[in-house]
Each structure stands twice: as structure tokens, then as C-alpha cells.
Amino acid sequence: MERLIFHVDVNSAFLSWEAVRRVKAGEEDLRLIPSCVGGSPDSRRSIVVAKSIPAKKYGIKTGEPVSMALRKCPELVVVPSDFRLYSSCSRAFKDILRSYAPVVEEFSIDECFLDMTGTERIYPDPIRLAHEIKDKIRDDLGFTVNVGIGRNKLCAKMASDFEKPDRVHTLFPEEVPEKMWPLPVNDLFFVGKKSADKLAGMNIRLIGELAQADPLRLAKALGEKQGMLAYRFANGLDDSPVKAEPDKPKGYSNEVTLEEDVVTIDVAHKILLALSDSVTAHMRSDGVKAHRVGVTVRYTDFKTRTHQSTSEKAVNTCNEVYEISKRLLSEIWEEERPLRLMGISLSNLSGEEEGVQLSLFDNGRQKEIEKNQKLEKTVDSLRNKFGSDIIKRGSVMTLNTEVGRKYKGKVDSKGQ
């Protein structure tokens, strides 16, 4: 039985979702004017998260500083992020997808893979079905999506990235040479800038040239795993399954790019406390602990240092991670050098139920740990019921910074 995979991707998701809310309130449609989602242009951390098609015509790019975007287009309308809105819109469009597909994989907040294999009797025309799904999302929810159709996840995703917005595209095996091979090699999924630069040095600039390259030569230039993956993808080959349930995370991390450089240990400790509080709450919600704690710092010259500590005893409470991270920071930070980024990572995971071998002299320490664990679970319960802002740690409340979260099981190289 031939596989049939759809990839559904919301067009300019964050901006579209904000635009729909404003249109319902009788305001101007952000999608029709130069606009973007981003932070304050006065903040060095503020970047363009999503942009409208009119903004794109000014050369505005996702990921560039908002201040730079405003220089390109002074009349650009900049709106702040609203993750509560995004979560609501994401759930709504994914609910529609689940009403059609037997297996739906949430690839990100605004895109999903649908495994439609074996549904030919119910949906004999996959292209017509894709249009039906696309139009239902547009008509019911007010925003548009692209739908890509292929025999595997790679081709479905590549197809959905063809001409936008509000389109359906196919990329079946016989269409790969015509539709995919003429594209620049950096358009290929998982080929980043560094890999593209290495391939350019080999006179490989198009996906078709990559597809016809010597796999051994690619392995030597990109590494065995990356080289073979790039070769297979360039030929439209991919056997990865559509997963209804995500893989278990291999690690968790939080990091923050700071509004102002950190130059004192007191402020640095407050940031570590905030990071520890957030990342351990996510670990506890997943029922895991970590044996390895890492701290990352980046100086104002963009040099980065990372320091890790591994122990037999696994941790998942804020206090435990905070104490370890303070020690790690003291071992790598040259305090006279200002910091512009700080982060905490937790890896080498185990289940919460995993036992710990105690000595006769650990009893007092263990009682303190158990007390902290009960307290953390109470805090988790209150936050789940009333929101994450219901309880804040005292020394964090005065900290004028926003913690950016990364969920490593989904986004970093360990989880791929």
C-alpha cells in the first residue's frame, strides 16, 4: 500500500491569528498592510517573529531585529506576541485536522503531518480532500493554510512550502525532478546555512545537483549521517513515520537573552532561580528527573561557555537545580565580563519513581528534599489551576527580564 501524507502549515501563523482577532473587533486586517509580530524596537532582543506579505515586499525578514525592519519600512505596524491566543488558534485548527485524519503528528504550534494512508475508500481524491480541509479552516477559523501532499513526510513538507498562501501542492516521486530539483539547495529541509556553504564549495547549489552527487563525497564534507540524510532528501526519499504521540524529550533547557548586561552575581543568581523554577516545573509535569545539569553563559563578544555536572542522584526541584547551577556558574564566569545570555540545561533523564540509594547519614537531607518536593507539587497544582503567574518566588519578582523557554525534546539536536 502506497503511503499518502499531508503536511498542513498555517500561513504566517502568529500574524494571521492576531489579524483574525482584530478583524473580528472591527479593526484593520494586518495581513493586508505592512505589519509584523515582534517586541519593542528599543529592546535588542526584539526580532520579527512573523510578517505580512506586504511587509515582505519591503525586504523585511523573519528573525531580523524589529529596529532594522522599521528602518526598511517606517510605517510598519508592530504588534506584540500573545501566546495564549496562539495556543487557542493552534488547538482549533488541529481539532479540524483530527476530524479527517486517523493519525496526526503535531510538528509545531502551526503545522502538522497527517497520515492518510489507507483512506482511499473514504477519500478517493486526495487533492480534493486537501482543498476541503484548507477551505474549512479558512471558513470556520478565518485564517489560511497551505497543504502539501506526498508519499512521505519530506515531500509533503517541501510541497507545502511551494507558492503561498492558501494553496494545495503535490510532490509525488515522479514530480521531484521537475518541482524540487531546480530549487536552491538551502530550500531543502534540514539543510542549514553551514551545510549549504559547504555544498557551494563543492559546486553544489541546486537540489538536483545534490541528488546526483557522490554520497561518499557528501559524507566526507558534511559528516556521515548528515551527508546521507541530505542525499536521500534531495532524491525525495524519507521513511520516517507520522507519530500520533511525540517522542519523549531527551532533555530540557531554558535560556534568556538579557535586556541589560549582567555584571553582578546577585542579578545572575536571580536569573538562575527564574530559569530553574520554569524548567523544573516542565520536568515535573512530564514525570522525569535529570542526572545532568548544565549552565551556559554568553559574553557581550558572543563567546559562549558551557559547564555541566553529572551525579547519580537525579533532581527535578527548583532548589536542587538552583544550587547546582550557582556552583557551575561560579566555576566558569569571569565576573568582570558582562553577560548577555544565560541558560540552564537538564539531561540524562530518568523517571520520578527511580529510587535513590541512601546512606545512614542522608536521612536529614532526604527529609528536606521530600519537603521541597511536596512544596513544588503544591505550587505546580496552583499554577495549573490559576495560571503560571499566581505564584512567583520572592527574589524573582523584582527581576526585570523575560525568560525564553526551549523545550529540548522538540527543538534541539538531542531530540531529532
Protein backbone atom coordinates (compact mmCIF):
# COMPACT_ATOMS: atom_id res chain seq x y z
CA MET A 1 0.00 0.00 0.00
CA GLU A 2 1.42 3.37 -1.02
CA ARG A 3 1.75 5.95 1.72
CA LEU A 4 -0.20 9.19 1.49
CA ILE A 5 1.00 12.04 3.72
CA PHE A 6 -0.36 15.58 4.08
CA HIS A 7 1.54 18.49 5.63
CA VAL A 8 -0.64 21.38 6.80
CA ASP A 9 1.07 24.68 7.59
CA VAL A 10 -0.63 27.88 8.77
CA ASN A 11 0.34 30.88 6.62
CA SER A 12 2.20 33.47 8.77
CA ALA A 13 0.60 31.87 11.81
CA PHE A 14 1.20 34.37 14.60
CA LEU A 15 0.38 37.37 12.44
CA SER A 16 -2.66 35.66 10.90
CA TRP A 17 -4.06 34.71 14.29
CA GLU A 18 -3.63 38.25 15.57
CA ALA A 19 -5.19 39.59 12.36
CA VAL A 20 -8.29 37.41 12.75
CA ARG A 21 -8.82 38.66 16.30
CA ARG A 22 -8.53 42.29 15.19
CA VAL A 23 -10.81 41.83 12.19
CA LYS A 24 -13.48 40.39 14.48
CA ALA A 25 -13.15 43.55 16.59
CA GLY A 26 -13.67 45.72 13.51
CA GLU A 27 -10.01 46.71 13.11
CA GLU A 28 -7.82 46.74 10.02
CA ASP A 29 -6.60 43.39 8.68
CA LEU A 30 -2.88 43.12 9.48
CA ARG A 31 -2.43 40.73 6.58
CA LEU A 32 -3.24 43.48 4.07
CA ILE A 33 -0.77 46.10 5.36
CA PRO A 34 2.97 46.11 6.20
CA SER A 35 2.93 44.53 9.65
CA CYS A 36 4.77 42.07 11.84
CA VAL A 37 4.68 40.34 15.20
CA GLY A 38 7.62 41.35 17.37
CA GLY A 39 8.68 43.07 20.54
CA SER A 40 9.61 46.63 21.36
CA PRO A 41 12.09 48.13 18.85
CA ASP A 42 14.01 49.57 21.83
CA SER A 43 14.91 46.07 23.01
CA ARG A 44 17.94 44.38 21.47
CA ARG A 45 16.14 41.04 21.86
CA SER A 46 13.16 42.11 19.75
CA ILE A 47 13.01 40.31 16.43
CA VAL A 48 10.45 39.87 13.68
CA VAL A 49 8.59 36.66 14.56
CA ALA A 50 6.10 36.76 11.67
CA LYS A 51 5.43 39.23 8.86
CA SER A 52 2.69 40.05 6.38
CA ILE A 53 3.10 39.69 2.61
CA PRO A 54 3.11 43.50 2.18
CA ALA A 55 5.94 43.68 4.76
CA LYS A 56 7.89 41.06 2.82
CA LYS A 57 7.87 43.38 -0.22
CA TYR A 58 9.98 45.83 1.79
CA GLY A 59 12.62 43.14 2.30
CA ILE A 60 11.64 42.51 5.91
CA LYS A 61 12.77 39.06 7.04
CA THR A 62 11.72 36.78 9.88
CA GLY A 63 14.37 36.78 12.60
CA GLU A 64 15.80 40.24 11.91
CA PRO A 65 15.70 42.97 14.60
CA VAL A 66 12.48 44.96 14.72
CA SER A 67 14.55 48.16 14.67
CA MET A 68 16.04 47.13 11.32
CA ALA A 69 12.60 46.26 9.93
CA LEU A 70 11.34 49.72 10.88
CA ARG A 71 14.24 51.34 9.04
CA LYS A 72 13.17 49.43 5.92
CA CYS A 73 9.51 50.36 6.39
CA PRO A 74 8.85 53.24 8.84
CA GLU A 75 5.06 52.72 8.62
CA LEU A 76 5.38 49.06 9.65
CA VAL A 77 2.76 48.10 12.24
CA VAL A 78 4.40 46.07 15.03
CA VAL A 79 2.16 44.03 17.35
CA PRO A 80 3.27 42.09 20.46
CA SER A 81 3.18 38.32 20.84
CA ASP A 82 0.21 36.69 22.56
CA PHE A 83 0.92 33.02 23.22
CA ARG A 84 -2.43 32.42 24.87
CA LEU A 85 -4.12 33.41 21.59
CA TYR A 86 -1.70 31.28 19.59
CA SER A 87 -2.39 28.20 21.71
CA SER A 88 -6.14 28.64 21.29
CA CYS A 89 -5.92 29.03 17.49
CA SER A 90 -3.49 26.10 17.26
CA ARG A 91 -5.87 23.80 19.13
CA ALA A 92 -8.78 24.88 16.92
CA PHE A 93 -7.09 24.10 13.61
CA LYS A 94 -5.63 20.83 14.89
CA ASP A 95 -9.09 19.73 16.03
CA ILE A 96 -10.28 20.15 12.43
CA LEU A 97 -7.34 18.08 11.15
CA ARG A 98 -8.14 15.27 13.59
CA SER A 99 -11.68 15.10 12.26
CA TYR A 100 -10.25 13.99 8.89
CA ALA A 101 -7.07 12.03 9.59
CA PRO A 102 -6.60 8.78 11.53
CA VAL A 103 -3.07 9.85 12.60
CA VAL A 104 -1.99 13.46 13.19
CA GLU A 105 1.53 14.45 14.25
CA GLU A 106 1.92 17.91 15.78
CA PHE A 107 5.16 19.08 14.22
CA SER A 108 4.96 22.57 15.74
CA ILE A 109 2.37 25.01 17.04
CA ASP A 110 1.30 25.86 13.47
CA GLU A 111 1.97 22.75 11.38
CA CYS A 112 1.02 19.08 11.36
CA PHE A 113 1.58 15.91 9.39
CA LEU A 114 -1.48 13.79 8.52
CA ASP A 115 -1.11 10.11 7.62
CA MET A 116 -3.93 9.49 5.15
CA THR A 117 -2.64 6.06 4.09
CA GLY A 118 -5.47 3.56 3.63
CA THR A 119 -8.24 6.18 3.46
CA GLU A 120 -8.78 5.87 -0.30
CA ARG A 121 -12.27 4.43 0.06
CA ILE A 122 -13.37 7.29 2.30
CA TYR A 123 -11.46 9.99 0.40
CA PRO A 124 -10.86 8.76 -3.17
CA ASP A 125 -9.47 12.11 -4.37
CA PRO A 126 -6.64 13.35 -2.08
CA ILE A 127 -6.27 16.70 -3.84
CA ARG A 128 -9.97 17.43 -3.48
CA LEU A 129 -9.75 16.41 0.19
CA ALA A 130 -6.80 18.76 0.76
CA HIS A 131 -8.81 21.65 -0.69
CA GLU A 132 -11.74 20.72 1.57
CA ILE A 133 -9.54 20.77 4.68
CA LYS A 134 -7.90 24.04 3.64
CA ASP A 135 -11.22 25.73 2.90
CA LYS A 136 -12.85 24.51 6.11
CA ILE A 137 -10.04 26.00 8.21
CA ARG A 138 -10.34 29.28 6.30
CA ASP A 139 -14.14 29.44 6.51
CA ASP A 140 -14.50 28.27 10.11
CA LEU A 141 -11.47 29.93 11.72
CA GLY A 142 -10.68 32.88 9.45
CA PHE A 143 -7.05 32.10 8.60
CA THR A 144 -5.44 30.24 5.72
CA VAL A 145 -3.15 27.23 5.45
CA ASN A 146 -1.08 25.53 2.79
CA VAL A 147 -1.43 21.78 2.29
CA GLY A 148 1.38 19.69 0.81
CA ILE A 149 0.75 16.15 -0.41
CA GLY A 150 3.40 13.46 -0.93
CA ARG A 151 4.31 9.83 -0.38
CA ASN A 152 6.40 10.72 2.66
CA LYS A 153 6.82 13.49 5.24
CA LEU A 154 9.74 15.13 3.46
CA CYS A 155 7.91 15.56 0.15
CA ALA A 156 4.69 16.66 1.85
CA LYS A 157 6.55 19.37 3.77
CA MET A 158 8.52 20.52 0.74
CA ALA A 159 5.25 20.75 -1.23
CA SER A 160 3.54 22.87 1.43
CA ASP A 161 6.38 25.39 1.13
CA PHE A 162 5.71 26.00 -2.55
CA GLU A 163 3.73 29.10 -3.54
CA LYS A 164 1.72 30.64 -0.68
CA PRO A 165 -0.80 31.46 0.75
CA ASP A 166 -3.97 29.34 0.75
CA ARG A 167 -2.69 26.73 -1.70
CA VAL A 168 -2.55 22.96 -2.21
CA HIS A 169 0.56 21.44 -3.82
CA THR A 170 1.70 17.90 -4.57
CA LEU A 171 5.19 16.42 -4.69
CA PHE A 172 4.92 12.78 -5.77
CA PRO A 173 8.05 10.79 -6.74
CA GLU A 174 7.62 11.45 -10.47
CA GLU A 175 7.37 15.20 -9.75
CA VAL A 176 10.60 15.50 -7.74
CA PRO A 177 12.91 16.22 -10.74
CA GLU A 178 10.59 18.91 -12.11
CA LYS A 179 9.38 20.60 -8.92
CA MET A 180 12.19 20.13 -6.38
CA TRP A 181 15.49 19.67 -8.17
CA PRO A 182 15.59 23.21 -9.69
CA LEU A 183 15.33 24.77 -6.19
CA PRO A 184 18.40 26.13 -4.37
CA VAL A 185 19.96 23.59 -2.04
CA ASN A 186 19.23 25.66 1.07
CA ASP A 187 15.49 25.20 0.36
CA LEU A 188 15.88 21.50 1.17
CA PHE A 189 14.52 20.56 4.57
CA PHE A 190 17.29 20.21 7.21
CA VAL A 191 19.98 21.83 5.03
CA GLY A 192 21.09 24.87 7.01
CA LYS A 193 23.36 27.74 6.07
CA LYS A 194 26.59 26.00 7.14
CA SER A 195 25.77 22.88 5.13
CA ALA A 196 24.70 25.00 2.15
CA ASP A 197 28.01 26.88 2.28
CA LYS A 198 29.96 23.61 2.33
CA LEU A 199 27.94 22.32 -0.61
CA ALA A 200 28.54 25.56 -2.52
CA GLY A 201 32.25 24.93 -2.04
CA MET A 202 31.68 21.65 -3.86
CA ASN A 203 29.83 23.49 -6.67
CA ILE A 204 26.54 22.05 -5.46
CA ARG A 205 23.98 24.85 -5.44
CA LEU A 206 20.77 23.17 -6.59
CA ILE A 207 18.88 20.28 -5.00
CA GLY A 208 19.19 18.37 -8.28
CA GLU A 209 22.98 18.67 -8.15
CA LEU A 210 22.89 17.36 -4.59
CA ALA A 211 20.70 14.44 -5.66
CA GLN A 212 23.28 13.40 -8.26
CA ALA A 213 26.36 13.91 -6.09
CA ASP A 214 28.61 11.13 -4.83
CA PRO A 215 27.24 10.04 -1.41
CA LEU A 216 30.76 9.27 -0.15
CA ARG A 217 31.90 12.77 -1.07
CA LEU A 218 28.89 14.22 0.74
CA ALA A 219 29.61 12.13 3.83
CA LYS A 220 33.19 13.41 3.91
CA ALA A 221 32.09 17.04 3.60
CA LEU A 222 29.01 17.05 5.86
CA GLY A 223 29.59 14.08 8.12
CA GLU A 224 28.34 10.55 7.50
CA LYS A 225 24.86 10.97 8.99
CA GLN A 226 24.15 14.47 7.65
CA GLY A 227 25.61 13.67 4.25
CA MET A 228 23.46 10.57 3.75
CA LEU A 229 20.37 12.40 5.01
CA ALA A 230 20.94 15.28 2.58
CA TYR A 231 21.45 12.83 -0.30
CA ARG A 232 18.27 10.90 0.49
CA PHE A 233 16.19 14.03 0.96
CA ALA A 234 17.46 15.50 -2.31
CA ASN A 235 16.15 12.37 -4.03
CA GLY A 236 12.78 12.65 -2.27
CA LEU A 237 13.46 9.65 -0.02
CA ASP A 238 12.19 9.51 3.56
CA ASP A 239 10.74 6.63 5.57
CA SER A 240 10.10 8.41 8.88
CA PRO A 241 6.66 7.59 10.34
CA VAL A 242 3.89 10.02 11.23
CA LYS A 243 3.64 9.80 15.02
CA ALA A 244 0.44 10.50 16.91
CA GLU A 245 2.47 10.76 20.13
CA PRO A 246 5.69 12.81 20.30
CA ASP A 247 8.99 11.20 21.23
CA LYS A 248 9.92 11.52 24.86
CA PRO A 249 12.21 14.51 25.40
CA LYS A 250 15.89 13.79 25.87
CA GLY A 251 16.47 16.98 27.79
CA TYR A 252 15.06 20.33 28.82
CA SER A 253 16.53 23.81 28.76
CA ASN A 254 15.71 27.44 29.41
CA GLU A 255 17.75 30.39 28.28
CA VAL A 256 17.29 34.14 28.24
CA THR A 257 18.90 36.91 26.24
CA LEU A 258 19.06 39.76 28.69
CA GLU A 259 17.65 43.26 28.29
CA GLU A 260 20.71 44.62 30.10
CA ASP A 261 24.12 43.03 30.54
CA VAL A 262 24.54 41.15 33.81
CA VAL A 263 27.56 42.31 35.78
CA THR A 264 26.76 41.27 39.37
CA ILE A 265 26.45 37.86 40.97
CA ASP A 266 23.23 38.86 42.74
CA VAL A 267 21.39 39.52 39.48
CA ALA A 268 22.91 36.43 37.90
CA HIS A 269 21.57 34.30 40.77
CA LYS A 270 18.07 35.75 40.37
CA ILE A 271 18.10 34.81 36.70
CA LEU A 272 19.29 31.28 37.53
CA LEU A 273 16.45 30.99 40.04
CA ALA A 274 13.87 32.03 37.45
CA LEU A 275 15.30 29.60 34.91
CA SER A 276 15.43 26.77 37.46
CA ASP A 277 11.84 27.40 38.52
CA SER A 278 10.48 27.26 34.97
CA VAL A 279 12.47 24.31 33.63
CA THR A 280 11.88 22.06 36.66
CA ALA A 281 8.13 22.72 36.51
CA HIS A 282 8.09 21.27 32.99
CA MET A 283 10.13 18.28 34.08
CA ARG A 284 7.75 17.52 36.93
CA SER A 285 4.75 17.79 34.61
CA ASP A 286 6.40 15.11 32.44
CA GLY A 287 7.28 12.99 35.46
CA VAL A 288 11.04 12.98 34.98
CA LYS A 289 14.24 13.93 36.75
CA ALA A 290 17.71 14.77 35.44
CA HIS A 291 21.12 13.42 36.39
CA ARG A 292 22.99 16.13 34.45
CA VAL A 293 22.71 19.90 34.99
CA GLY A 294 24.40 22.38 32.67
CA VAL A 295 24.85 26.16 32.71
CA THR A 296 25.53 28.26 29.61
CA VAL A 297 26.72 31.87 29.53
CA ARG A 298 27.40 34.15 26.59
CA TYR A 299 29.53 37.26 26.86
CA THR A 300 28.99 40.54 25.03
CA ASP A 301 31.60 39.49 22.44
CA PHE A 302 29.31 36.48 21.70
CA LYS A 303 31.77 33.94 23.07
CA THR A 304 29.86 31.13 24.79
CA ARG A 305 30.88 28.86 27.65
CA THR A 306 29.05 25.79 28.95
CA HIS A 307 29.72 23.81 32.13
CA GLN A 308 27.99 20.59 33.23
CA SER A 309 27.77 18.41 36.30
CA THR A 310 26.58 14.78 36.43
CA SER A 311 25.62 12.82 39.53
CA GLU A 312 23.99 9.52 40.46
CA LYS A 313 21.20 11.39 42.22
CA ALA A 314 18.54 12.74 39.84
CA VAL A 315 16.89 16.11 40.52
CA ASN A 316 13.73 17.96 39.47
CA THR A 317 13.06 20.57 42.16
CA CYS A 318 13.87 24.23 41.74
CA ASN A 319 16.09 24.43 44.82
CA GLU A 320 18.23 21.46 43.83
CA VAL A 321 18.80 22.71 40.29
CA TYR A 322 19.36 26.27 41.51
CA GLU A 323 22.07 25.23 43.98
CA ILE A 324 23.90 23.17 41.35
CA SER A 325 23.63 25.90 38.72
CA LYS A 326 25.04 28.51 41.11
CA ARG A 327 28.09 26.35 41.69
CA LEU A 328 28.56 25.75 37.95
CA LEU A 329 28.25 29.47 37.23
CA SER A 330 30.91 30.32 39.82
CA GLU A 331 33.30 27.91 38.09
CA ILE A 332 33.03 29.41 34.60
CA TRP A 333 32.04 33.08 34.91
CA GLU A 334 34.76 35.65 34.85
CA GLU A 335 32.72 38.20 36.80
CA GLU A 336 34.39 41.22 35.28
CA ARG A 337 32.98 40.19 31.89
CA PRO A 338 29.33 41.25 31.28
CA LEU A 339 26.87 38.53 30.30
CA ARG A 340 24.22 38.95 27.59
CA LEU A 341 22.75 35.42 27.75
CA MET A 342 22.29 32.80 30.46
CA GLY A 343 20.81 29.34 30.26
CA ILE A 344 20.21 26.09 32.13
CA SER A 345 20.00 22.63 30.58
CA LEU A 346 18.90 19.35 32.17
CA SER A 347 19.57 15.98 30.56
CA ASN A 348 20.35 12.31 31.22
CA LEU A 349 16.75 11.78 32.30
CA SER A 350 15.07 9.15 34.46
CA GLY A 351 11.58 8.60 35.80
CA GLU A 352 10.47 10.24 39.05
CA GLU A 353 9.86 6.84 40.55
CA GLU A 354 13.51 5.81 40.23
CA GLY A 355 14.86 5.09 43.67
CA VAL A 356 17.97 6.60 45.26
CA GLN A 357 20.46 4.65 47.35
CA LEU A 358 20.78 6.45 50.70
CA SER A 359 23.40 6.16 53.36
CA LEU A 360 22.65 6.11 57.10
CA PHE A 361 23.71 9.76 57.28
CA ASP A 362 21.47 11.06 54.44
CA ASN A 363 18.23 10.89 56.41
CA GLY A 364 18.07 14.57 57.38
CA ARG A 365 18.96 15.71 53.89
CA GLN A 366 16.38 13.35 52.37
CA LYS A 367 13.62 14.74 54.61
CA GLU A 368 14.46 18.23 53.39
CA ILE A 369 14.30 17.06 49.77
CA GLU A 370 10.94 15.38 50.31
CA LYS A 371 9.62 18.55 51.93
CA ASN A 372 10.73 20.60 48.92
CA GLN A 373 9.15 18.10 46.53
CA LYS A 374 5.79 18.36 48.29
CA LEU A 375 6.01 22.14 48.18
CA GLU A 376 6.86 22.13 44.47
CA LYS A 377 3.89 19.87 43.68
CA THR A 378 1.58 22.22 45.58
CA VAL A 379 2.92 25.16 43.58
CA ASP A 380 2.50 23.19 40.33
CA SER A 381 -1.10 22.41 41.22
CA LEU A 382 -1.93 26.06 41.93
CA ARG A 383 -0.26 27.24 38.72
CA ASN A 384 -2.09 24.64 36.63
CA LYS A 385 -5.39 25.79 38.11
CA PHE A 386 -4.92 29.57 38.25
CA GLY A 387 -2.11 30.30 35.77
CA SER A 388 1.67 30.47 35.92
CA ASP A 389 1.69 34.00 37.40
CA ILE A 390 -0.32 33.04 40.52
CA ILE A 391 2.89 32.29 42.48
CA LYS A 392 6.31 33.85 41.94
CA ARG A 393 9.43 33.39 44.01
CA GLY A 394 10.24 36.50 46.02
CA SER A 395 13.69 37.18 44.58
CA VAL A 396 12.37 36.76 41.04
CA MET A 397 9.54 39.27 41.31
CA THR A 398 11.90 42.23 41.08
CA LEU A 399 13.80 40.83 38.14
CA ASN A 400 13.04 42.89 35.02
CA THR A 401 13.58 40.18 32.42
CA GLU A 402 11.57 37.78 30.35
CA VAL A 403 12.59 34.13 30.36
CA GLY A 404 12.52 32.49 26.93
CA ARG A 405 11.71 28.79 27.06
CA LYS A 406 13.08 25.99 24.88
CA TYR A 407 11.65 22.52 25.11
CA LYS A 408 14.61 20.39 24.06
CA GLY A 409 12.65 17.26 23.40
CA LYS A 410 11.15 19.09 20.44
CA VAL A 411 13.61 21.58 19.16
CA ASP A 412 17.23 20.80 19.73
CA SER A 413 19.59 18.31 18.16
CA LYS A 414 19.19 15.85 21.03
CA GLY A 415 15.53 15.41 20.21
CA GLN A 416 15.86 14.98 16.47
